Each structure stands twice: as C-alpha cells, then as structure tokens.
Amino acid sequence: MVTKIKSGNKIFALVIDLSSAKEGTFPITDPSWPLQLLLMKRKQGHVVVKHVHKKIRKVTKQPQEAIVVMKGAIEASIFDRKGKIIAKKNVSSGQCLLIVDGAHEIKITKNALIYAFKDGPYVDDKIFL
C-alpha cells in the first residue's frame, strides 16, 4: 500500500496505492511531519461523527506536498536537496505521491487531472536546481 522512497534511512517521498487498501482508517504519515495524511476506506452508511478541529497555531519549517492523481499518469523524479537523483516513480490514477523532503520534478505521461496539497500558504518559495 505504501512505498517509501529513501536514501539510506532518510525518507524523501511516499507513494500511496489505494488498490490494496483495507477497510478502516490508517494514518500514513509520521506524526512529526507537518503534512498529515490519513487514509479512510469505509462502507456505505458509515458516518464520521460531526466534529470541528481546535484552532491552534502551527509553524512548519519543512514544506511537504501531496500530489493525488485522479486521472492519467505522471513520472515523479525525487532528488535530495542538492539535486542528486534518488528515484523515479510512475504514479497513476488512484495513487498519491507524498513529497516529504528534497526536490521533485513531475512529468505528465498520460493526460492528467491532479490535486496538489501543500502546507500553505502557496507563496513563491521554489528554488530551481
């Protein structure tokens, strides 16, 4: 279900594949990461009880990004922070790429519809390598 893209012991990205998801709720990310991802697979009729989340101040020093491929396919190249290639992964419809650290490059390999989530705000913070 989750493929870790690592260099040594350091995780740079995760590829989450929903095709093997089991019934239930599963935290995907390390609790210390700024972007939290929870996978929920539930049967018709299941109710997530009405709730609200507390307003708390959060400060992140390490931006993270989740790319959810709804349709089509991409090739994701994952690099360390200096630009050294770590891995190339194909991510297709129904899969999610969570970029934990380092650099990334995305090539659209099949016409795609993609959601991209990042801890906000979206500002001009890109450093091109």
N, C-alpha and C. Protein backbone atom coordinates (compact mmCIF):
# COMPACT_ATOMS: atom_id res chain seq x y z
N MET A 1 0.82 -1.19 0.00
CA MET A 1 0.00 0.00 0.00
C MET A 1 0.86 1.26 0.00
N VAL A 2 1.95 1.31 0.79
CA VAL A 2 2.82 2.47 0.85
C VAL A 2 4.23 2.05 0.45
N THR A 3 4.77 2.74 -0.57
CA THR A 3 6.15 2.52 -0.99
C THR A 3 6.96 3.71 -0.53
N LYS A 4 8.01 3.47 0.25
CA LYS A 4 8.89 4.54 0.74
C LYS A 4 10.01 4.76 -0.27
N ILE A 5 10.26 6.02 -0.59
CA ILE A 5 11.40 6.39 -1.43
C ILE A 5 12.43 6.95 -0.48
N LYS A 6 13.53 6.20 -0.33
CA LYS A 6 14.53 6.53 0.70
C LYS A 6 15.92 6.64 0.09
N SER A 7 16.77 7.33 0.80
CA SER A 7 18.21 7.33 0.56
C SER A 7 18.83 7.07 1.92
N GLY A 8 19.43 5.90 2.10
CA GLY A 8 19.87 5.49 3.43
C GLY A 8 18.65 5.30 4.29
N ASN A 9 18.64 5.92 5.46
CA ASN A 9 17.48 5.82 6.36
C ASN A 9 16.51 6.99 6.20
N LYS A 10 16.86 7.97 5.36
CA LYS A 10 16.04 9.18 5.21
C LYS A 10 14.95 8.96 4.17
N ILE A 11 13.71 9.24 4.56
CA ILE A 11 12.57 9.14 3.65
C ILE A 11 12.41 10.47 2.92
N PHE A 12 12.34 10.40 1.59
CA PHE A 12 12.14 11.59 0.77
C PHE A 12 10.72 11.68 0.22
N ALA A 13 10.07 10.53 0.02
CA ALA A 13 8.72 10.55 -0.53
C ALA A 13 8.03 9.22 -0.25
N LEU A 14 6.72 9.24 -0.37
CA LEU A 14 5.90 8.03 -0.26
C LEU A 14 4.99 7.97 -1.47
N VAL A 15 4.77 6.75 -1.99
CA VAL A 15 3.75 6.53 -3.00
C VAL A 15 2.68 5.68 -2.34
N ILE A 16 1.46 6.20 -2.29
CA ILE A 16 0.36 5.50 -1.64
C ILE A 16 -0.57 4.96 -2.73
N ASP A 17 -0.77 3.64 -2.73
CA ASP A 17 -1.60 2.98 -3.72
C ASP A 17 -2.87 2.48 -3.05
N LEU A 18 -4.00 2.98 -3.49
CA LEU A 18 -5.28 2.65 -2.87
C LEU A 18 -5.81 1.28 -3.26
N SER A 19 -5.24 0.65 -4.28
CA SER A 19 -5.80 -0.60 -4.78
C SER A 19 -5.79 -1.72 -3.74
N SER A 20 -4.89 -1.65 -2.78
CA SER A 20 -4.82 -2.71 -1.77
C SER A 20 -5.32 -2.24 -0.40
N ALA A 21 -6.00 -1.10 -0.37
CA ALA A 21 -6.47 -0.55 0.91
C ALA A 21 -7.51 -1.47 1.55
N LYS A 22 -7.38 -1.64 2.86
CA LYS A 22 -8.33 -2.44 3.63
C LYS A 22 -9.35 -1.52 4.30
N GLU A 23 -10.42 -2.10 4.77
CA GLU A 23 -11.45 -1.34 5.47
C GLU A 23 -10.88 -0.73 6.75
N GLY A 24 -11.17 0.54 6.96
CA GLY A 24 -10.74 1.19 8.20
C GLY A 24 -10.09 2.54 7.95
N THR A 25 -9.45 3.03 8.98
CA THR A 25 -8.75 4.32 8.96
C THR A 25 -7.29 4.07 9.27
N PHE A 26 -6.41 4.62 8.42
CA PHE A 26 -4.98 4.35 8.57
C PHE A 26 -4.17 5.63 8.44
N PRO A 27 -3.43 6.03 9.50
CA PRO A 27 -2.53 7.17 9.35
C PRO A 27 -1.36 6.73 8.46
N ILE A 28 -1.02 7.56 7.49
CA ILE A 28 0.05 7.24 6.55
C ILE A 28 1.36 7.93 6.95
N THR A 29 1.26 9.12 7.49
CA THR A 29 2.44 9.94 7.75
C THR A 29 2.94 9.80 9.19
N ASP A 30 4.20 10.13 9.36
CA ASP A 30 4.80 10.20 10.68
C ASP A 30 4.14 11.36 11.43
N PRO A 31 3.76 11.18 12.69
CA PRO A 31 3.08 12.25 13.44
C PRO A 31 3.88 13.56 13.54
N SER A 32 5.19 13.50 13.35
CA SER A 32 6.01 14.71 13.45
C SER A 32 6.04 15.52 12.15
N TRP A 33 5.54 14.97 11.05
CA TRP A 33 5.58 15.67 9.77
C TRP A 33 4.52 16.77 9.73
N PRO A 34 4.81 17.89 9.06
CA PRO A 34 3.84 18.98 9.01
C PRO A 34 2.58 18.66 8.21
N LEU A 35 2.69 17.83 7.17
CA LEU A 35 1.52 17.47 6.38
C LEU A 35 1.08 16.08 6.79
N GLN A 36 -0.12 15.96 7.29
CA GLN A 36 -0.63 14.69 7.77
C GLN A 36 -1.59 14.09 6.76
N LEU A 37 -1.44 12.79 6.50
CA LEU A 37 -2.27 12.10 5.53
C LEU A 37 -2.89 10.89 6.21
N LEU A 38 -4.21 10.81 6.13
CA LEU A 38 -4.97 9.72 6.73
C LEU A 38 -5.77 9.06 5.62
N LEU A 39 -5.68 7.76 5.50
CA LEU A 39 -6.44 7.01 4.50
C LEU A 39 -7.68 6.43 5.18
N MET A 40 -8.83 6.68 4.58
CA MET A 40 -10.07 6.11 5.10
C MET A 40 -10.76 5.33 4.00
N LYS A 41 -11.06 4.08 4.26
CA LYS A 41 -11.87 3.27 3.36
C LYS A 41 -13.05 2.78 4.18
N ARG A 42 -14.22 3.22 3.82
CA ARG A 42 -15.42 2.91 4.59
C ARG A 42 -16.55 2.44 3.67
N LYS A 43 -17.42 1.63 4.24
CA LYS A 43 -18.58 1.12 3.52
C LYS A 43 -19.72 2.13 3.54
N GLN A 44 -20.61 2.01 2.58
CA GLN A 44 -21.79 2.86 2.50
C GLN A 44 -22.52 2.85 3.84
N GLY A 45 -22.92 4.03 4.29
CA GLY A 45 -23.65 4.15 5.54
C GLY A 45 -22.77 4.54 6.72
N HIS A 46 -21.45 4.39 6.57
CA HIS A 46 -20.56 4.78 7.66
C HIS A 46 -20.67 6.29 7.86
N VAL A 47 -20.66 6.73 9.11
CA VAL A 47 -20.75 8.15 9.44
C VAL A 47 -19.53 8.57 10.23
N VAL A 48 -18.88 9.62 9.78
CA VAL A 48 -17.84 10.28 10.59
C VAL A 48 -18.59 11.32 11.40
N VAL A 49 -18.63 11.13 12.71
CA VAL A 49 -19.45 11.96 13.59
C VAL A 49 -19.08 13.43 13.45
N LYS A 50 -20.12 14.28 13.48
CA LYS A 50 -19.94 15.73 13.36
C LYS A 50 -18.89 16.21 14.35
N HIS A 51 -17.93 17.00 13.84
CA HIS A 51 -16.86 17.50 14.70
C HIS A 51 -16.23 18.74 14.09
N VAL A 52 -15.47 19.43 14.88
CA VAL A 52 -14.69 20.59 14.45
C VAL A 52 -13.30 20.42 15.06
N HIS A 53 -12.31 21.00 14.41
CA HIS A 53 -10.95 20.91 14.94
C HIS A 53 -10.58 22.20 15.67
N LYS A 54 -9.85 22.05 16.76
CA LYS A 54 -9.41 23.20 17.54
C LYS A 54 -8.53 24.10 16.68
N LYS A 55 -8.67 25.40 16.88
CA LYS A 55 -7.77 26.35 16.24
C LYS A 55 -6.50 26.41 17.06
N ILE A 56 -5.42 25.99 16.45
CA ILE A 56 -4.13 26.05 17.13
C ILE A 56 -3.10 26.61 16.16
N ARG A 57 -2.14 27.32 16.70
CA ARG A 57 -1.09 27.90 15.87
C ARG A 57 -0.08 26.81 15.53
N LYS A 58 0.23 26.70 14.26
CA LYS A 58 1.20 25.71 13.81
C LYS A 58 2.25 26.42 12.97
N VAL A 59 3.49 26.07 13.19
CA VAL A 59 4.60 26.62 12.41
C VAL A 59 5.36 25.45 11.82
N THR A 60 5.58 25.49 10.50
CA THR A 60 6.35 24.43 9.85
C THR A 60 7.62 25.00 9.25
N LYS A 61 8.68 24.21 9.33
CA LYS A 61 9.95 24.62 8.75
C LYS A 61 10.28 23.82 7.51
N GLN A 62 9.59 22.71 7.32
CA GLN A 62 9.85 21.82 6.18
C GLN A 62 8.58 21.67 5.35
N PRO A 63 8.46 22.40 4.23
CA PRO A 63 7.26 22.23 3.40
C PRO A 63 7.17 20.80 2.87
N GLN A 64 5.94 20.31 2.78
CA GLN A 64 5.67 18.99 2.20
C GLN A 64 4.51 19.15 1.23
N GLU A 65 4.42 18.21 0.28
CA GLU A 65 3.41 18.32 -0.75
C GLU A 65 2.85 16.94 -1.07
N ALA A 66 1.54 16.86 -1.25
CA ALA A 66 0.89 15.62 -1.67
C ALA A 66 0.29 15.85 -3.05
N ILE A 67 0.58 14.93 -3.96
CA ILE A 67 0.06 15.00 -5.32
C ILE A 67 -0.82 13.78 -5.53
N VAL A 68 -2.12 14.02 -5.71
CA VAL A 68 -3.08 12.94 -5.89
C VAL A 68 -3.47 12.90 -7.36
N VAL A 69 -3.18 11.78 -8.01
CA VAL A 69 -3.52 11.64 -9.43
C VAL A 69 -4.93 11.06 -9.53
N MET A 70 -5.85 11.88 -9.98
CA MET A 70 -7.25 11.46 -10.12
C MET A 70 -7.46 10.71 -11.43
N LYS A 71 -6.85 11.21 -12.50
CA LYS A 71 -6.91 10.59 -13.83
C LYS A 71 -5.54 10.73 -14.46
N GLY A 72 -5.19 9.78 -15.33
CA GLY A 72 -3.95 9.86 -16.06
C GLY A 72 -2.77 9.29 -15.30
N ALA A 73 -1.59 9.81 -15.63
CA ALA A 73 -0.37 9.28 -15.00
C ALA A 73 0.75 10.31 -15.07
N ILE A 74 1.67 10.19 -14.11
CA ILE A 74 2.85 11.05 -14.06
C ILE A 74 4.08 10.19 -13.80
N GLU A 75 5.23 10.76 -14.11
CA GLU A 75 6.50 10.18 -13.68
C GLU A 75 7.11 11.20 -12.72
N ALA A 76 7.35 10.78 -11.50
CA ALA A 76 7.90 11.67 -10.48
C ALA A 76 9.37 11.34 -10.28
N SER A 77 10.21 12.35 -10.41
CA SER A 77 11.63 12.20 -10.09
C SER A 77 11.85 12.85 -8.74
N ILE A 78 12.47 12.10 -7.83
CA ILE A 78 12.72 12.59 -6.47
C ILE A 78 14.23 12.77 -6.31
N PHE A 79 14.61 13.93 -5.78
CA PHE A 79 16.02 14.30 -5.61
C PHE A 79 16.27 14.68 -4.16
N ASP A 80 17.53 14.64 -3.74
CA ASP A 80 17.87 15.19 -2.43
C ASP A 80 17.90 16.71 -2.56
N ARG A 81 18.19 17.41 -1.50
CA ARG A 81 18.14 18.88 -1.51
C ARG A 81 19.25 19.50 -2.36
N LYS A 82 20.25 18.72 -2.73
CA LYS A 82 21.33 19.23 -3.59
C LYS A 82 21.09 18.91 -5.06
N GLY A 83 20.02 18.16 -5.36
CA GLY A 83 19.68 17.86 -6.73
C GLY A 83 20.12 16.49 -7.22
N LYS A 84 20.64 15.66 -6.33
CA LYS A 84 21.05 14.30 -6.71
C LYS A 84 19.82 13.41 -6.79
N ILE A 85 19.68 12.69 -7.93
CA ILE A 85 18.51 11.83 -8.13
C ILE A 85 18.50 10.68 -7.12
N ILE A 86 17.33 10.44 -6.54
CA ILE A 86 17.15 9.33 -5.60
C ILE A 86 16.33 8.23 -6.26
N ALA A 87 15.23 8.63 -6.95
CA ALA A 87 14.37 7.63 -7.58
C ALA A 87 13.45 8.29 -8.60
N LYS A 88 12.97 7.45 -9.52
CA LYS A 88 11.90 7.84 -10.44
C LYS A 88 10.77 6.86 -10.20
N LYS A 89 9.56 7.37 -10.06
CA LYS A 89 8.39 6.52 -9.81
C LYS A 89 7.24 6.93 -10.71
N ASN A 90 6.54 5.95 -11.25
CA ASN A 90 5.33 6.20 -12.00
C ASN A 90 4.17 6.21 -11.01
N VAL A 91 3.34 7.24 -11.11
CA VAL A 91 2.19 7.39 -10.23
C VAL A 91 0.98 7.57 -11.15
N SER A 92 -0.03 6.73 -10.94
CA SER A 92 -1.18 6.76 -11.85
C SER A 92 -2.49 6.96 -11.09
N SER A 93 -3.56 7.00 -11.84
CA SER A 93 -4.89 7.25 -11.31
C SER A 93 -5.16 6.44 -10.05
N GLY A 94 -5.61 7.13 -8.99
CA GLY A 94 -5.90 6.47 -7.72
C GLY A 94 -4.72 6.37 -6.80
N GLN A 95 -3.59 6.93 -7.19
CA GLN A 95 -2.40 6.90 -6.33
C GLN A 95 -2.06 8.31 -5.87
N CYS A 96 -1.29 8.36 -4.78
CA CYS A 96 -0.86 9.63 -4.20
C CYS A 96 0.65 9.61 -4.00
N LEU A 97 1.30 10.70 -4.35
CA LEU A 97 2.72 10.88 -4.08
C LEU A 97 2.83 11.92 -2.97
N LEU A 98 3.44 11.55 -1.86
CA LEU A 98 3.67 12.49 -0.77
C LEU A 98 5.14 12.82 -0.73
N ILE A 99 5.49 14.07 -1.00
CA ILE A 99 6.88 14.50 -1.01
C ILE A 99 7.22 15.01 0.39
N VAL A 100 8.12 14.31 1.04
CA VAL A 100 8.46 14.59 2.43
C VAL A 100 9.60 15.59 2.53
N ASP A 101 10.61 15.44 1.67
CA ASP A 101 11.79 16.32 1.71
C ASP A 101 12.45 16.27 0.35
N GLY A 102 13.38 17.15 0.13
CA GLY A 102 14.14 17.16 -1.11
C GLY A 102 13.41 17.86 -2.23
N ALA A 103 13.90 17.62 -3.45
CA ALA A 103 13.34 18.26 -4.65
C ALA A 103 12.56 17.23 -5.45
N HIS A 104 11.73 17.73 -6.34
CA HIS A 104 10.96 16.83 -7.19
C HIS A 104 10.72 17.46 -8.55
N GLU A 105 10.50 16.60 -9.52
CA GLU A 105 10.14 17.02 -10.87
C GLU A 105 9.03 16.09 -11.33
N ILE A 106 8.00 16.64 -11.92
CA ILE A 106 6.84 15.86 -12.34
C ILE A 106 6.69 15.97 -13.86
N LYS A 107 6.65 14.82 -14.51
CA LYS A 107 6.42 14.76 -15.96
C LYS A 107 5.07 14.07 -16.17
N ILE A 108 4.19 14.72 -16.92
CA ILE A 108 2.89 14.14 -17.22
C ILE A 108 3.09 13.11 -18.34
N THR A 109 2.77 11.85 -18.06
CA THR A 109 2.98 10.79 -19.04
C THR A 109 1.68 10.35 -19.71
N LYS A 110 0.55 10.74 -19.12
CA LYS A 110 -0.77 10.47 -19.70
C LYS A 110 -1.66 11.62 -19.24
N ASN A 111 -2.44 12.21 -20.14
CA ASN A 111 -3.29 13.35 -19.77
C ASN A 111 -3.79 13.17 -18.34
N ALA A 112 -3.58 14.19 -17.51
CA ALA A 112 -3.78 14.01 -16.07
C ALA A 112 -4.69 15.07 -15.46
N LEU A 113 -5.39 14.65 -14.44
CA LEU A 113 -6.14 15.53 -13.55
C LEU A 113 -5.58 15.25 -12.15
N ILE A 114 -5.03 16.29 -11.53
CA ILE A 114 -4.24 16.10 -10.31
C ILE A 114 -4.67 17.11 -9.25
N TYR A 115 -4.75 16.65 -8.00
CA TYR A 115 -4.84 17.55 -6.86
C TYR A 115 -3.44 17.67 -6.27
N ALA A 116 -3.04 18.88 -5.90
CA ALA A 116 -1.77 19.08 -5.21
C ALA A 116 -2.07 19.80 -3.90
N PHE A 117 -1.67 19.19 -2.79
CA PHE A 117 -1.88 19.77 -1.47
C PHE A 117 -0.52 20.09 -0.86
N LYS A 118 -0.41 21.27 -0.28
CA LYS A 118 0.83 21.69 0.36
C LYS A 118 0.46 22.51 1.58
N ASP A 119 1.28 22.41 2.62
CA ASP A 119 1.01 23.28 3.76
C ASP A 119 1.14 24.72 3.26
N GLY A 120 0.16 25.52 3.57
CA GLY A 120 0.07 26.86 2.98
C GLY A 120 0.78 27.92 3.78
N PRO A 121 0.72 29.11 3.30
CA PRO A 121 0.07 29.50 2.05
C PRO A 121 0.94 29.19 0.84
N TYR A 122 0.30 29.14 -0.33
CA TYR A 122 1.07 28.99 -1.57
C TYR A 122 1.76 30.32 -1.83
N VAL A 123 3.06 30.33 -1.71
CA VAL A 123 3.87 31.53 -1.97
C VAL A 123 4.96 31.14 -2.95
N ASP A 124 5.62 32.13 -3.49
CA ASP A 124 6.71 31.88 -4.43
C ASP A 124 7.96 31.45 -3.64
N ASP A 125 8.02 30.15 -3.32
CA ASP A 125 9.12 29.64 -2.49
C ASP A 125 9.99 28.63 -3.22
N LYS A 126 9.82 28.49 -4.54
CA LYS A 126 10.55 27.49 -5.30
C LYS A 126 12.01 27.89 -5.49
N ILE A 127 12.89 26.92 -5.31
CA ILE A 127 14.31 27.07 -5.61
C ILE A 127 14.60 26.09 -6.74
N PHE A 128 14.86 26.60 -7.93
CA PHE A 128 15.09 25.72 -9.08
C PHE A 128 16.53 25.21 -9.06
N LEU A 129 16.68 23.89 -9.19
CA LEU A 129 18.01 23.26 -9.15
C LEU A 129 18.50 22.98 -10.56
